[in-house]
Amino acid sequence: MHRQLLQLISQNVTLTDSDKALCETFFEPVLYPKNRVIEEENKIPKYLYFVVSGFVRLFHYNDKGDEVTTHINCPPGFITSYFHFVHQTPSGENLECITECELLRITKSGLDLLTQKCPALKDFNILVFQQSLAYNETRSKELATLTAEQRYQNLIKNYPEILHNVPLQYIASFLGMNAKSLSRIRREIIK
């Protein structure tokens, strides 16, 4: 289960055998069923997760009580309510397995210790943080400047596997629209 994690890290930094062993020690493998909430809102996120397989989403409830999906993660990749995990403060988001998921997880104290013991992983951690910031900036810009159809076209171009594994209501919410609008856009594209 650690192979994908080590492969991703090794694409960006050089790991020694000792570094790899440390990763395997600190990242705990877990399996979760479909629709399981693994981190709850108003609580401090316990783990940073690496998605080996399956699809995971971050979501919160708006003032009307509707679910708003803010992030959908495709494997391989990291997911958590990152700001709150780093600062160990209560998050306003839930983390849910959309499908059955194979994950690797690490606690904040474990991540801190791992990055102290392994300079390459400290560099990789900084890279993941930078990529997360860039992703969020791009996503904010797209939500503000692109039409709903353009956002959908970007999603199917960049993450086609989401369409086959994630319910449409989550995709619609993630794209900033309702499910009816997404269905209409999909019908128009198929024509």
N, C-alpha and C. Protein backbone atom coordinates (compact mmCIF):
# COMPACT_ATOMS: atom_id res chain seq x y z
N MET A 1 0.82 -1.20 0.00
CA MET A 1 0.00 0.00 0.00
C MET A 1 0.86 1.27 0.00
N HIS A 2 2.06 1.17 0.53
CA HIS A 2 2.94 2.32 0.60
C HIS A 2 3.64 2.62 -0.73
N ARG A 3 3.59 1.68 -1.67
CA ARG A 3 4.31 1.83 -2.92
C ARG A 3 3.95 3.12 -3.65
N GLN A 4 2.65 3.42 -3.77
CA GLN A 4 2.21 4.63 -4.48
C GLN A 4 2.70 5.90 -3.78
N LEU A 5 2.65 5.90 -2.47
CA LEU A 5 3.14 7.06 -1.71
C LEU A 5 4.63 7.27 -1.97
N LEU A 6 5.40 6.21 -1.84
CA LEU A 6 6.84 6.32 -2.03
C LEU A 6 7.18 6.70 -3.48
N GLN A 7 6.40 6.20 -4.41
CA GLN A 7 6.61 6.54 -5.81
C GLN A 7 6.37 8.03 -6.05
N LEU A 8 5.29 8.56 -5.50
CA LEU A 8 4.97 9.98 -5.65
C LEU A 8 6.05 10.85 -5.02
N ILE A 9 6.46 10.50 -3.82
CA ILE A 9 7.50 11.28 -3.14
C ILE A 9 8.79 11.24 -3.94
N SER A 10 9.16 10.05 -4.42
CA SER A 10 10.42 9.86 -5.15
C SER A 10 10.46 10.59 -6.49
N GLN A 11 9.29 10.93 -7.03
CA GLN A 11 9.25 11.71 -8.26
C GLN A 11 9.70 13.16 -8.01
N ASN A 12 9.68 13.57 -6.75
CA ASN A 12 9.96 14.96 -6.42
C ASN A 12 11.22 15.17 -5.58
N VAL A 13 11.56 14.19 -4.75
CA VAL A 13 12.76 14.28 -3.92
C VAL A 13 13.43 12.91 -3.88
N THR A 14 14.70 12.88 -3.51
CA THR A 14 15.43 11.62 -3.43
C THR A 14 15.29 11.04 -2.02
N LEU A 15 14.81 9.81 -1.96
CA LEU A 15 14.64 9.13 -0.68
C LEU A 15 15.68 8.03 -0.51
N THR A 16 16.23 7.94 0.68
CA THR A 16 17.12 6.83 1.01
C THR A 16 16.26 5.66 1.45
N ASP A 17 16.86 4.50 1.59
CA ASP A 17 16.12 3.34 2.10
C ASP A 17 15.62 3.62 3.52
N SER A 18 16.41 4.33 4.29
CA SER A 18 16.02 4.70 5.65
C SER A 18 14.79 5.62 5.63
N ASP A 19 14.78 6.58 4.69
CA ASP A 19 13.63 7.49 4.55
C ASP A 19 12.36 6.70 4.20
N LYS A 20 12.52 5.75 3.30
CA LYS A 20 11.37 4.94 2.89
C LYS A 20 10.83 4.13 4.06
N ALA A 21 11.73 3.57 4.85
CA ALA A 21 11.31 2.80 6.03
C ALA A 21 10.58 3.70 7.03
N LEU A 22 11.06 4.93 7.20
CA LEU A 22 10.39 5.87 8.10
C LEU A 22 8.97 6.17 7.61
N CYS A 23 8.82 6.38 6.31
CA CYS A 23 7.48 6.63 5.74
C CYS A 23 6.54 5.47 6.04
N GLU A 24 7.05 4.27 5.85
CA GLU A 24 6.22 3.09 6.09
C GLU A 24 5.85 2.95 7.57
N THR A 25 6.74 3.43 8.43
CA THR A 25 6.46 3.38 9.87
C THR A 25 5.40 4.41 10.27
N PHE A 26 5.52 5.63 9.73
CA PHE A 26 4.65 6.73 10.16
C PHE A 26 3.30 6.77 9.46
N PHE A 27 3.22 6.31 8.22
CA PHE A 27 1.94 6.32 7.49
C PHE A 27 1.22 4.99 7.72
N GLU A 28 0.11 5.07 8.41
CA GLU A 28 -0.68 3.90 8.78
C GLU A 28 -1.71 3.58 7.70
N PRO A 29 -1.74 2.34 7.19
CA PRO A 29 -2.76 1.97 6.20
C PRO A 29 -4.12 1.75 6.86
N VAL A 30 -5.17 2.28 6.20
CA VAL A 30 -6.54 2.09 6.68
C VAL A 30 -7.47 1.87 5.49
N LEU A 31 -8.54 1.13 5.72
CA LEU A 31 -9.57 0.91 4.71
C LEU A 31 -10.88 1.45 5.26
N TYR A 32 -11.61 2.18 4.43
CA TYR A 32 -12.90 2.72 4.86
C TYR A 32 -13.96 2.37 3.83
N PRO A 33 -15.19 2.12 4.29
CA PRO A 33 -16.28 1.83 3.36
C PRO A 33 -16.80 3.12 2.71
N LYS A 34 -17.56 2.93 1.68
CA LYS A 34 -18.24 4.01 0.97
C LYS A 34 -19.12 4.81 1.95
N ASN A 35 -19.16 6.12 1.76
CA ASN A 35 -20.01 7.04 2.53
C ASN A 35 -19.62 7.20 4.00
N ARG A 36 -18.41 6.84 4.35
CA ARG A 36 -17.96 7.00 5.74
C ARG A 36 -17.34 8.38 5.94
N VAL A 37 -17.85 9.12 6.92
CA VAL A 37 -17.24 10.39 7.31
C VAL A 37 -16.07 10.04 8.23
N ILE A 38 -14.85 10.44 7.84
CA ILE A 38 -13.67 10.05 8.61
C ILE A 38 -13.08 11.21 9.42
N GLU A 39 -13.48 12.41 9.13
CA GLU A 39 -13.15 13.58 9.94
C GLU A 39 -14.41 14.43 9.99
N GLU A 40 -14.78 14.90 11.19
CA GLU A 40 -16.02 15.64 11.35
C GLU A 40 -15.78 17.13 11.58
N GLU A 41 -16.73 17.93 11.09
CA GLU A 41 -16.66 19.37 11.29
C GLU A 41 -16.69 19.70 12.79
N ASN A 42 -16.15 20.85 13.11
CA ASN A 42 -16.06 21.35 14.49
C ASN A 42 -15.11 20.55 15.36
N LYS A 43 -14.31 19.71 14.73
CA LYS A 43 -13.28 18.96 15.45
C LYS A 43 -11.93 19.23 14.79
N ILE A 44 -10.87 19.04 15.55
CA ILE A 44 -9.52 19.20 15.00
C ILE A 44 -9.22 17.99 14.12
N PRO A 45 -8.82 18.22 12.86
CA PRO A 45 -8.48 17.08 12.00
C PRO A 45 -7.34 16.26 12.62
N LYS A 46 -7.56 14.97 12.73
CA LYS A 46 -6.56 14.09 13.36
C LYS A 46 -5.46 13.68 12.40
N TYR A 47 -5.80 13.58 11.11
CA TYR A 47 -4.86 12.99 10.16
C TYR A 47 -4.76 13.77 8.86
N LEU A 48 -3.61 13.62 8.23
CA LEU A 48 -3.41 13.93 6.82
C LEU A 48 -3.51 12.58 6.13
N TYR A 49 -4.33 12.51 5.08
CA TYR A 49 -4.56 11.25 4.38
C TYR A 49 -3.91 11.27 3.01
N PHE A 50 -3.35 10.13 2.64
CA PHE A 50 -2.88 9.90 1.27
C PHE A 50 -3.84 8.90 0.66
N VAL A 51 -4.45 9.27 -0.47
CA VAL A 51 -5.44 8.42 -1.12
C VAL A 51 -4.73 7.44 -2.05
N VAL A 52 -4.76 6.17 -1.68
CA VAL A 52 -4.17 5.11 -2.51
C VAL A 52 -5.18 4.71 -3.58
N SER A 53 -6.42 4.49 -3.16
CA SER A 53 -7.50 4.20 -4.10
C SER A 53 -8.81 4.70 -3.52
N GLY A 54 -9.74 5.03 -4.41
CA GLY A 54 -11.02 5.55 -3.99
C GLY A 54 -11.08 7.05 -4.14
N PHE A 55 -12.22 7.61 -3.79
CA PHE A 55 -12.46 9.05 -3.92
C PHE A 55 -12.97 9.61 -2.60
N VAL A 56 -12.40 10.75 -2.23
CA VAL A 56 -12.69 11.38 -0.94
C VAL A 56 -13.08 12.83 -1.21
N ARG A 57 -13.98 13.36 -0.40
CA ARG A 57 -14.37 14.77 -0.57
C ARG A 57 -14.35 15.51 0.76
N LEU A 58 -14.11 16.80 0.68
CA LEU A 58 -14.30 17.72 1.80
C LEU A 58 -15.61 18.45 1.54
N PHE A 59 -16.44 18.59 2.58
CA PHE A 59 -17.68 19.34 2.41
C PHE A 59 -18.10 19.98 3.73
N HIS A 60 -18.93 21.01 3.59
CA HIS A 60 -19.53 21.66 4.76
C HIS A 60 -21.00 21.91 4.45
N TYR A 61 -21.72 22.37 5.46
CA TYR A 61 -23.13 22.70 5.28
C TYR A 61 -23.27 24.22 5.19
N ASN A 62 -24.03 24.70 4.20
CA ASN A 62 -24.25 26.14 4.10
C ASN A 62 -25.37 26.56 5.07
N ASP A 63 -25.72 27.84 5.05
CA ASP A 63 -26.71 28.35 6.00
C ASP A 63 -28.12 27.78 5.77
N LYS A 64 -28.35 27.15 4.61
CA LYS A 64 -29.64 26.50 4.34
C LYS A 64 -29.63 25.03 4.73
N GLY A 65 -28.46 24.53 5.17
CA GLY A 65 -28.33 23.13 5.53
C GLY A 65 -27.96 22.22 4.37
N ASP A 66 -27.64 22.81 3.21
CA ASP A 66 -27.24 22.03 2.04
C ASP A 66 -25.75 21.72 2.11
N GLU A 67 -25.37 20.55 1.62
CA GLU A 67 -23.96 20.18 1.57
C GLU A 67 -23.28 20.93 0.43
N VAL A 68 -22.09 21.46 0.72
CA VAL A 68 -21.28 22.15 -0.28
C VAL A 68 -19.94 21.42 -0.35
N THR A 69 -19.68 20.78 -1.47
CA THR A 69 -18.43 20.05 -1.68
C THR A 69 -17.36 21.04 -2.11
N THR A 70 -16.28 21.12 -1.33
CA THR A 70 -15.22 22.08 -1.64
C THR A 70 -14.00 21.43 -2.29
N HIS A 71 -13.87 20.12 -2.14
CA HIS A 71 -12.72 19.44 -2.73
C HIS A 71 -13.07 17.97 -2.95
N ILE A 72 -12.65 17.45 -4.10
CA ILE A 72 -12.77 16.02 -4.39
C ILE A 72 -11.37 15.55 -4.73
N ASN A 73 -10.91 14.50 -4.07
CA ASN A 73 -9.56 14.01 -4.30
C ASN A 73 -9.58 12.71 -5.08
N CYS A 74 -8.77 12.67 -6.11
CA CYS A 74 -8.55 11.46 -6.91
C CYS A 74 -7.21 10.87 -6.49
N PRO A 75 -7.09 9.57 -6.53
CA PRO A 75 -5.79 8.98 -6.20
C PRO A 75 -4.78 9.23 -7.31
N PRO A 76 -3.50 9.29 -7.05
CA PRO A 76 -2.94 9.40 -5.71
C PRO A 76 -2.89 10.88 -5.30
N GLY A 77 -3.08 11.15 -4.04
CA GLY A 77 -3.00 12.53 -3.57
C GLY A 77 -3.29 12.63 -2.10
N PHE A 78 -3.01 13.80 -1.55
CA PHE A 78 -3.21 14.07 -0.13
C PHE A 78 -4.49 14.85 0.07
N ILE A 79 -5.14 14.62 1.21
CA ILE A 79 -6.34 15.39 1.53
C ILE A 79 -6.52 15.48 3.04
N THR A 80 -6.94 16.63 3.47
CA THR A 80 -7.37 16.92 4.83
C THR A 80 -7.89 18.34 4.80
N SER A 81 -8.42 18.81 5.88
CA SER A 81 -8.71 20.23 6.01
C SER A 81 -7.37 20.85 6.41
N TYR A 82 -6.56 21.14 5.39
CA TYR A 82 -5.12 21.37 5.57
C TYR A 82 -4.78 22.46 6.58
N PHE A 83 -5.40 23.64 6.46
CA PHE A 83 -5.10 24.74 7.38
C PHE A 83 -5.34 24.31 8.81
N HIS A 84 -6.46 23.64 9.05
CA HIS A 84 -6.82 23.24 10.41
C HIS A 84 -5.96 22.09 10.91
N PHE A 85 -5.54 21.21 10.01
CA PHE A 85 -4.63 20.14 10.38
C PHE A 85 -3.29 20.73 10.82
N VAL A 86 -2.75 21.64 10.02
CA VAL A 86 -1.45 22.26 10.31
C VAL A 86 -1.50 23.03 11.62
N HIS A 87 -2.57 23.79 11.84
CA HIS A 87 -2.67 24.65 13.03
C HIS A 87 -3.36 23.96 14.21
N GLN A 88 -3.86 22.74 13.97
CA GLN A 88 -4.55 21.96 15.00
C GLN A 88 -5.68 22.76 15.63
N THR A 89 -6.54 23.28 14.76
CA THR A 89 -7.74 24.02 15.17
C THR A 89 -8.97 23.31 14.61
N PRO A 90 -10.14 23.52 15.21
CA PRO A 90 -11.35 22.88 14.70
C PRO A 90 -11.67 23.31 13.27
N SER A 91 -12.03 22.34 12.45
CA SER A 91 -12.35 22.58 11.05
C SER A 91 -13.86 22.72 10.87
N GLY A 92 -14.25 23.50 9.89
CA GLY A 92 -15.67 23.63 9.56
C GLY A 92 -16.10 22.65 8.49
N GLU A 93 -15.21 21.67 8.16
CA GLU A 93 -15.51 20.74 7.09
C GLU A 93 -15.50 19.29 7.56
N ASN A 94 -16.22 18.49 6.80
CA ASN A 94 -16.24 17.04 6.98
C ASN A 94 -15.40 16.42 5.87
N LEU A 95 -14.77 15.30 6.18
CA LEU A 95 -14.02 14.54 5.18
C LEU A 95 -14.72 13.19 5.05
N GLU A 96 -15.17 12.88 3.83
CA GLU A 96 -15.99 11.69 3.61
C GLU A 96 -15.44 10.85 2.46
N CYS A 97 -15.46 9.55 2.66
CA CYS A 97 -15.12 8.61 1.58
C CYS A 97 -16.34 8.48 0.68
N ILE A 98 -16.20 8.87 -0.57
CA ILE A 98 -17.30 8.76 -1.53
C ILE A 98 -17.46 7.31 -1.97
N THR A 99 -16.33 6.66 -2.16
CA THR A 99 -16.29 5.25 -2.54
C THR A 99 -15.55 4.51 -1.43
N GLU A 100 -15.47 3.20 -1.55
CA GLU A 100 -14.58 2.45 -0.66
C GLU A 100 -13.17 2.99 -0.90
N CYS A 101 -12.41 3.20 0.17
CA CYS A 101 -11.10 3.84 0.04
C CYS A 101 -10.00 3.08 0.77
N GLU A 102 -8.85 3.01 0.10
CA GLU A 102 -7.61 2.58 0.73
C GLU A 102 -6.81 3.86 0.97
N LEU A 103 -6.47 4.12 2.22
CA LEU A 103 -5.78 5.35 2.57
C LEU A 103 -4.57 5.04 3.44
N LEU A 104 -3.63 5.96 3.41
CA LEU A 104 -2.54 5.98 4.38
C LEU A 104 -2.75 7.26 5.17
N ARG A 105 -2.58 7.18 6.48
CA ARG A 105 -2.80 8.38 7.28
C ARG A 105 -1.64 8.61 8.23
N ILE A 106 -1.45 9.90 8.56
CA ILE A 106 -0.39 10.28 9.48
C ILE A 106 -0.91 11.40 10.38
N THR A 107 -0.56 11.36 11.63
CA THR A 107 -0.97 12.40 12.57
C THR A 107 -0.09 13.63 12.39
N LYS A 108 -0.49 14.75 12.94
CA LYS A 108 0.31 15.97 12.86
C LYS A 108 1.64 15.77 13.58
N SER A 109 1.60 15.17 14.77
CA SER A 109 2.86 14.94 15.50
C SER A 109 3.75 13.96 14.74
N GLY A 110 3.15 12.96 14.09
CA GLY A 110 3.91 12.02 13.29
C GLY A 110 4.55 12.70 12.08
N LEU A 111 3.80 13.58 11.43
CA LEU A 111 4.34 14.31 10.29
C LEU A 111 5.48 15.23 10.72
N ASP A 112 5.31 15.90 11.85
CA ASP A 112 6.37 16.78 12.37
C ASP A 112 7.64 15.98 12.65
N LEU A 113 7.48 14.85 13.28
CA LEU A 113 8.63 14.00 13.61
C LEU A 113 9.29 13.46 12.34
N LEU A 114 8.47 13.02 11.40
CA LEU A 114 8.98 12.48 10.15
C LEU A 114 9.79 13.54 9.38
N THR A 115 9.27 14.77 9.32
CA THR A 115 9.99 15.81 8.59
C THR A 115 11.24 16.27 9.34
N GLN A 116 11.28 16.08 10.65
CA GLN A 116 12.51 16.38 11.41
C GLN A 116 13.59 15.34 11.12
N LYS A 117 13.16 14.09 11.03
CA LYS A 117 14.11 12.99 10.84
C LYS A 117 14.58 12.87 9.40
N CYS A 118 13.81 13.42 8.47
CA CYS A 118 14.09 13.21 7.06
C CYS A 118 13.99 14.53 6.29
N PRO A 119 15.12 15.18 6.03
CA PRO A 119 15.09 16.46 5.30
C PRO A 119 14.40 16.37 3.93
N ALA A 120 14.53 15.26 3.24
CA ALA A 120 13.88 15.12 1.93
C ALA A 120 12.37 15.19 2.08
N LEU A 121 11.83 14.61 3.16
CA LEU A 121 10.38 14.67 3.38
C LEU A 121 9.93 16.05 3.81
N LYS A 122 10.81 16.78 4.47
CA LYS A 122 10.49 18.18 4.80
C LYS A 122 10.34 18.96 3.50
N ASP A 123 11.27 18.76 2.56
CA ASP A 123 11.19 19.42 1.26
C ASP A 123 9.91 19.01 0.52
N PHE A 124 9.58 17.72 0.58
CA PHE A 124 8.38 17.23 -0.08
C PHE A 124 7.13 17.83 0.56
N ASN A 125 7.11 17.94 1.87
CA ASN A 125 5.98 18.52 2.58
C ASN A 125 5.75 19.97 2.14
N ILE A 126 6.83 20.71 1.99
CA ILE A 126 6.73 22.10 1.53
C ILE A 126 6.17 22.13 0.11
N LEU A 127 6.63 21.22 -0.74
CA LEU A 127 6.12 21.14 -2.11
C LEU A 127 4.62 20.84 -2.13
N VAL A 128 4.16 19.92 -1.30
CA VAL A 128 2.73 19.59 -1.23
C VAL A 128 1.93 20.81 -0.79
N PHE A 129 2.44 21.55 0.18
CA PHE A 129 1.78 22.76 0.66
C PHE A 129 1.70 23.79 -0.48
N GLN A 130 2.79 23.98 -1.21
CA GLN A 130 2.79 24.93 -2.33
C GLN A 130 1.80 24.51 -3.40
N GLN A 131 1.75 23.22 -3.70
CA GLN A 131 0.80 22.73 -4.70
C GLN A 131 -0.64 22.92 -4.24
N SER A 132 -0.88 22.74 -2.95
CA SER A 132 -2.21 22.95 -2.39
C SER A 132 -2.62 24.41 -2.53
N LEU A 133 -1.71 25.32 -2.22
CA LEU A 133 -2.01 26.75 -2.38
C LEU A 133 -2.30 27.10 -3.83
N ALA A 134 -1.48 26.59 -4.74
CA ALA A 134 -1.67 26.87 -6.17
C ALA A 134 -3.01 26.31 -6.66
N TYR A 135 -3.34 25.10 -6.22
CA TYR A 135 -4.61 24.49 -6.61
C TYR A 135 -5.78 25.34 -6.13
N ASN A 136 -5.73 25.75 -4.86
CA ASN A 136 -6.83 26.54 -4.30
C ASN A 136 -6.96 27.90 -4.99
N GLU A 137 -5.84 28.50 -5.34
CA GLU A 137 -5.87 29.78 -6.05
C GLU A 137 -6.50 29.60 -7.44
N THR A 138 -6.09 28.56 -8.14
CA THR A 138 -6.65 28.29 -9.46
C THR A 138 -8.13 27.99 -9.37
N ARG A 139 -8.51 27.19 -8.39
CA ARG A 139 -9.93 26.84 -8.21
C ARG A 139 -10.77 28.08 -7.92
N SER A 140 -10.29 28.96 -7.05
CA SER A 140 -11.02 30.20 -6.74
C SER A 140 -11.18 31.05 -7.99
N LYS A 141 -10.11 31.15 -8.76
CA LYS A 141 -10.17 31.96 -9.99
C LYS A 141 -11.17 31.36 -10.98
N GLU A 142 -11.15 30.03 -11.14
CA GLU A 142 -12.08 29.38 -12.06
C GLU A 142 -13.53 29.58 -11.63
N LEU A 143 -13.80 29.45 -10.33
CA LEU A 143 -15.17 29.66 -9.84
C LEU A 143 -15.64 31.08 -10.10
N ALA A 144 -14.71 32.03 -10.05
CA ALA A 144 -15.07 33.45 -10.22
C ALA A 144 -15.14 33.88 -11.68
N THR A 145 -14.39 33.22 -12.57
CA THR A 145 -14.28 33.74 -13.94
C THR A 145 -14.84 32.85 -15.04
N LEU A 146 -14.94 31.55 -14.80
CA LEU A 146 -15.41 30.65 -15.85
C LEU A 146 -16.91 30.40 -15.74
N THR A 147 -17.53 30.10 -16.87
CA THR A 147 -18.94 29.72 -16.85
C THR A 147 -19.05 28.31 -16.27
N ALA A 148 -20.24 27.93 -15.91
CA ALA A 148 -20.48 26.58 -15.38
C ALA A 148 -20.04 25.52 -16.40
N GLU A 149 -20.35 25.76 -17.68
CA GLU A 149 -19.97 24.80 -18.71
C GLU A 149 -18.44 24.71 -18.83
N GLN A 150 -17.75 25.83 -18.77
CA GLN A 150 -16.29 25.82 -18.84
C GLN A 150 -15.68 25.07 -17.65
N ARG A 151 -16.25 25.25 -16.47
CA ARG A 151 -15.75 24.53 -15.29
C ARG A 151 -15.95 23.03 -15.46
N TYR A 152 -17.10 22.63 -15.99
CA TYR A 152 -17.37 21.22 -16.23
C TYR A 152 -16.40 20.66 -17.28
N GLN A 153 -16.19 21.41 -18.36
CA GLN A 153 -15.27 20.96 -19.42
C GLN A 153 -13.86 20.77 -18.85
N ASN A 154 -13.41 21.69 -17.99
CA ASN A 154 -12.09 21.55 -17.35
C ASN A 154 -12.02 20.29 -16.49
N LEU A 155 -13.10 20.03 -15.77
CA LEU A 155 -13.13 18.85 -14.91
C LEU A 155 -13.02 17.57 -15.74
N ILE A 156 -13.80 17.47 -16.79
CA ILE A 156 -13.76 16.22 -17.58
C ILE A 156 -12.43 16.08 -18.33
N LYS A 157 -11.82 17.20 -18.66
CA LYS A 157 -10.51 17.15 -19.33
C LYS A 157 -9.40 16.73 -18.36
N ASN A 158 -9.41 17.30 -17.17
CA ASN A 158 -8.33 17.07 -16.20
C ASN A 158 -8.55 15.88 -15.27
N TYR A 159 -9.80 15.55 -14.97
CA TYR A 159 -10.10 14.48 -14.00
C TYR A 159 -11.28 13.63 -14.49
N PRO A 160 -11.15 12.99 -15.65
CA PRO A 160 -12.29 12.24 -16.20
C PRO A 160 -12.77 11.11 -15.29
N GLU A 161 -11.87 10.56 -14.48
CA GLU A 161 -12.26 9.44 -13.60
C GLU A 161 -13.30 9.86 -12.55
N ILE A 162 -13.37 11.15 -12.24
CA ILE A 162 -14.37 11.63 -11.27
C ILE A 162 -15.78 11.33 -11.78
N LEU A 163 -15.99 11.52 -13.07
CA LEU A 163 -17.34 11.33 -13.63
C LEU A 163 -17.87 9.92 -13.46
N HIS A 164 -16.97 8.94 -13.40
CA HIS A 164 -17.39 7.54 -13.29
C HIS A 164 -17.45 7.04 -11.86
N ASN A 165 -16.99 7.86 -10.91
CA ASN A 165 -16.89 7.39 -9.52
C ASN A 165 -17.55 8.27 -8.48
N VAL A 166 -17.95 9.47 -8.87
CA VAL A 166 -18.49 10.44 -7.91
C VAL A 166 -19.92 10.80 -8.30
N PRO A 167 -20.86 10.75 -7.35
CA PRO A 167 -22.25 11.12 -7.65
C PRO A 167 -22.36 12.54 -8.21
N LEU A 168 -23.30 12.72 -9.14
CA LEU A 168 -23.45 14.02 -9.82
C LEU A 168 -23.72 15.17 -8.87
N GLN A 169 -24.45 14.92 -7.78
CA GLN A 169 -24.74 16.04 -6.87
C GLN A 169 -23.47 16.57 -6.22
N TYR A 170 -22.49 15.71 -5.97
CA TYR A 170 -21.22 16.17 -5.41
C TYR A 170 -20.41 16.94 -6.45
N ILE A 171 -20.43 16.43 -7.69
CA ILE A 171 -19.71 17.11 -8.77
C ILE A 171 -20.33 18.50 -9.00
N ALA A 172 -21.65 18.56 -9.05
CA ALA A 172 -22.33 19.84 -9.26
C ALA A 172 -21.97 20.83 -8.16
N SER A 173 -22.03 20.39 -6.93
CA SER A 173 -21.70 21.25 -5.80
C SER A 173 -20.25 21.73 -5.88
N PHE A 174 -19.35 20.82 -6.21
CA PHE A 174 -17.94 21.16 -6.35
C PHE A 174 -17.73 22.21 -7.44
N LEU A 175 -18.53 22.13 -8.50
CA LEU A 175 -18.41 23.08 -9.61
C LEU A 175 -19.20 24.36 -9.40
N GLY A 176 -19.87 24.46 -8.25
CA GLY A 176 -20.60 25.68 -7.92
C GLY A 176 -21.93 25.82 -8.63
N MET A 177 -22.62 24.72 -8.83
CA MET A 177 -23.93 24.75 -9.48
C MET A 177 -24.83 23.70 -8.85
N ASN A 178 -26.10 23.70 -9.24
CA ASN A 178 -27.00 22.67 -8.73
C ASN A 178 -27.03 21.49 -9.70
N ALA A 179 -27.57 20.39 -9.26
CA ALA A 179 -27.56 19.15 -10.06
C ALA A 179 -28.34 19.31 -11.36
N LYS A 180 -29.44 20.10 -11.34
CA LYS A 180 -30.23 20.30 -12.57
C LYS A 180 -29.41 21.03 -13.63
N SER A 181 -28.65 22.04 -13.21
CA SER A 181 -27.81 22.77 -14.16
C SER A 181 -26.74 21.86 -14.75
N LEU A 182 -26.16 21.03 -13.92
CA LEU A 182 -25.14 20.10 -14.41
C LEU A 182 -25.75 19.11 -15.40
N SER A 183 -26.92 18.60 -15.10
CA SER A 183 -27.58 17.67 -16.03
C SER A 183 -27.85 18.34 -17.38
N ARG A 184 -28.29 19.59 -17.35
CA ARG A 184 -28.54 20.33 -18.59
C ARG A 184 -27.25 20.51 -19.39
N ILE A 185 -26.18 20.89 -18.71
CA ILE A 185 -24.89 21.07 -19.38
C ILE A 185 -24.42 19.76 -20.00
N ARG A 186 -24.57 18.68 -19.27
CA ARG A 186 -24.15 17.37 -19.80
C ARG A 186 -24.94 16.98 -21.03
N ARG A 187 -26.26 17.24 -21.00
CA ARG A 187 -27.09 16.93 -22.17
C ARG A 187 -26.65 17.74 -23.39
N GLU A 188 -26.35 19.02 -23.18
CA GLU A 188 -25.93 19.88 -24.29
C GLU A 188 -24.60 19.43 -24.89
N ILE A 189 -23.68 18.96 -24.02
CA ILE A 189 -22.38 18.51 -24.50
C ILE A 189 -22.51 17.22 -25.30
N ILE A 190 -23.42 16.35 -24.90
CA ILE A 190 -23.60 15.05 -25.58
C ILE A 190 -24.20 15.23 -26.96
N LYS A 191 -25.00 16.30 -27.17
CA LYS A 191 -25.67 16.51 -28.46
C LYS A 191 -24.71 16.53 -29.61
